[in-house]
Amino acid sequence: MPTPGERLDRDPAGMPYKPAGRAYRPSDIEVVDGWNPRDMKSAETLKHIEELADSIVARITSEPPLPALIYPVKIKHYRETGRARLIAGECRLEGCKLAEKRGYTVYVPTVDDLQDATEVQLMLTTMTDN
């Protein structure tokens, strides 16, 4: 039975299901410098991250609490090392980090459907998500 606020998707037959994913602390997700084609230092992007942080705080402090993000970030989880590498969703991740800096405990919802993706497929995922 889903819990209140739990995100559900639909399978091809139309039945609800819970997508595979994990919840990480923001600092546990590795970000590769220069991976995101977006200018993460621009005033527009920084304002967007501030707005995301406000939304995240509102969601996690609501009653009942909701997941921090409506759309999980995409990661590649490396089974051998346990590392999680961000593929898409750097602004959302930075919003989670900012909410955590404000004193909130945040868990980042992730989707890891990229387990067997090549570097080219990972880059294409990043580009299409932006």
Protein backbone atom coordinates (compact mmCIF):
# COMPACT_ATOMS: atom_id res chain seq x y z
CA MET A 1 0.00 0.00 0.00
CA PRO A 2 1.46 3.39 -0.95
CA THR A 3 2.12 5.90 1.78
CA PRO A 4 0.67 9.43 1.62
CA GLY A 5 2.61 11.54 -0.84
CA GLU A 6 4.42 8.56 -2.36
CA ARG A 7 5.03 8.98 -6.08
CA LEU A 8 3.54 6.33 -8.32
CA ASP A 9 3.87 5.81 -12.04
CA ARG A 10 1.92 3.58 -14.39
CA ASP A 11 3.19 0.51 -16.15
CA PRO A 12 2.35 -0.12 -19.82
CA ALA A 13 -0.85 -1.97 -18.82
CA GLY A 14 -2.00 1.12 -16.90
CA MET A 15 -1.52 -0.30 -13.41
CA PRO A 16 0.17 1.90 -10.76
CA TYR A 17 3.62 0.89 -9.61
CA LYS A 18 6.41 2.38 -7.55
CA PRO A 19 9.46 3.19 -9.72
CA ALA A 20 12.81 1.73 -8.70
CA GLY A 21 14.99 4.22 -6.92
CA ARG A 22 16.74 5.14 -3.73
CA ALA A 23 16.87 8.11 -1.41
CA TYR A 24 20.27 9.66 -0.80
CA ARG A 25 21.57 12.49 1.34
CA PRO A 26 22.49 15.35 -1.03
CA SER A 27 26.20 15.08 -0.21
CA ASP A 28 26.23 11.38 -1.15
CA ILE A 29 25.51 12.08 -4.83
CA GLU A 30 28.65 12.77 -6.84
CA VAL A 31 28.51 15.63 -9.33
CA VAL A 32 31.03 15.63 -12.16
CA ASP A 33 32.28 19.17 -12.85
CA GLY A 34 31.25 20.39 -16.28
CA TRP A 35 28.82 17.51 -16.89
CA ASN A 36 25.76 19.76 -16.92
CA PRO A 37 25.52 21.92 -20.06
CA ARG A 38 23.65 24.58 -18.03
CA ASP A 39 25.58 27.52 -16.55
CA MET A 40 25.21 26.67 -12.86
CA LYS A 41 26.64 30.07 -11.79
CA SER A 42 24.26 32.32 -13.76
CA ALA A 43 21.90 34.59 -11.83
CA GLU A 44 18.92 32.91 -13.48
CA THR A 45 20.05 29.42 -12.43
CA LEU A 46 20.88 30.53 -8.87
CA LYS A 47 17.40 32.10 -8.55
CA HIS A 48 15.88 28.87 -9.85
CA ILE A 49 17.80 26.86 -7.23
CA GLU A 50 16.57 29.23 -4.46
CA GLU A 51 12.98 28.69 -5.63
CA LEU A 52 13.52 24.93 -5.70
CA ALA A 53 14.90 25.02 -2.14
CA ASP A 54 11.80 26.94 -0.97
CA SER A 55 9.57 24.34 -2.65
CA ILE A 56 11.55 21.46 -1.14
CA VAL A 57 11.27 22.91 2.36
CA ALA A 58 7.51 23.41 1.90
CA ARG A 59 7.10 19.79 0.77
CA ILE A 60 9.17 18.14 3.51
CA THR A 61 7.59 20.25 6.27
CA SER A 62 4.00 19.75 5.08
CA GLU A 63 1.59 17.56 7.01
CA PRO A 64 1.87 14.78 6.05
CA PRO A 65 5.44 15.27 4.79
CA LEU A 66 5.95 14.79 1.07
CA PRO A 67 9.06 13.63 -0.80
CA ALA A 68 11.53 16.47 -1.36
CA LEU A 69 11.16 16.38 -5.14
CA ILE A 70 8.23 15.85 -7.49
CA TYR A 71 10.62 14.66 -10.21
CA PRO A 72 13.50 12.55 -8.85
CA VAL A 73 17.02 13.20 -10.07
CA LYS A 74 18.59 10.66 -12.40
CA ILE A 75 21.69 8.89 -11.19
CA LYS A 76 23.90 6.03 -12.14
CA HIS A 77 24.50 3.77 -9.16
CA TYR A 78 27.77 1.86 -9.29
CA ARG A 79 27.16 -1.48 -7.57
CA GLU A 80 30.87 -2.21 -7.15
CA THR A 81 31.60 0.95 -5.17
CA GLY A 82 28.18 2.02 -3.92
CA ARG A 83 28.75 5.45 -5.49
CA ALA A 84 25.88 7.45 -6.95
CA ARG A 85 26.76 9.75 -9.87
CA LEU A 86 24.36 12.48 -10.92
CA ILE A 87 23.27 12.23 -14.54
CA ALA A 88 20.37 14.71 -14.67
CA GLY A 89 18.81 17.05 -12.14
CA GLU A 90 21.69 19.17 -10.85
CA CYS A 91 19.44 22.16 -10.06
CA ARG A 92 17.10 19.91 -8.06
CA LEU A 93 20.08 18.41 -6.24
CA GLU A 94 21.50 21.87 -5.50
CA GLY A 95 18.05 22.90 -4.19
CA CYS A 96 18.18 19.92 -1.81
CA LYS A 97 21.69 20.92 -0.71
CA LEU A 98 20.53 24.48 -0.07
CA ALA A 99 17.55 23.26 1.99
CA GLU A 100 19.97 21.14 4.00
CA LYS A 101 22.21 24.19 4.56
CA ARG A 102 19.13 25.93 5.96
CA GLY A 103 18.97 23.23 8.63
CA TYR A 104 16.51 20.70 7.18
CA THR A 105 17.14 16.98 6.81
CA VAL A 106 16.69 16.18 3.14
CA TYR A 107 16.67 12.88 1.29
CA VAL A 108 16.97 13.14 -2.47
CA PRO A 109 14.63 10.83 -4.38
CA THR A 110 16.43 9.24 -7.30
CA VAL A 111 15.68 7.05 -10.28
CA ASP A 112 18.40 4.69 -11.41
CA ASP A 113 17.32 3.22 -14.73
CA LEU A 114 20.73 3.91 -16.27
CA GLN A 115 22.61 0.98 -14.79
CA ASP A 116 23.83 -0.39 -18.10
CA ALA A 117 24.00 2.91 -20.02
CA THR A 118 27.16 3.88 -21.89
CA GLU A 119 28.83 7.27 -21.38
CA VAL A 120 27.26 8.46 -24.66
CA GLN A 121 23.78 7.40 -23.47
CA LEU A 122 24.38 9.15 -20.14
CA MET A 123 25.37 12.37 -21.88
CA LEU A 124 22.33 12.20 -24.18
CA THR A 125 20.12 11.75 -21.09
CA THR A 126 21.68 14.85 -19.53
CA MET A 127 21.23 16.89 -22.70
CA THR A 128 17.61 15.88 -23.26
CA ASP A 129 16.67 16.49 -19.62
CA ASN A 130 17.98 20.06 -19.92
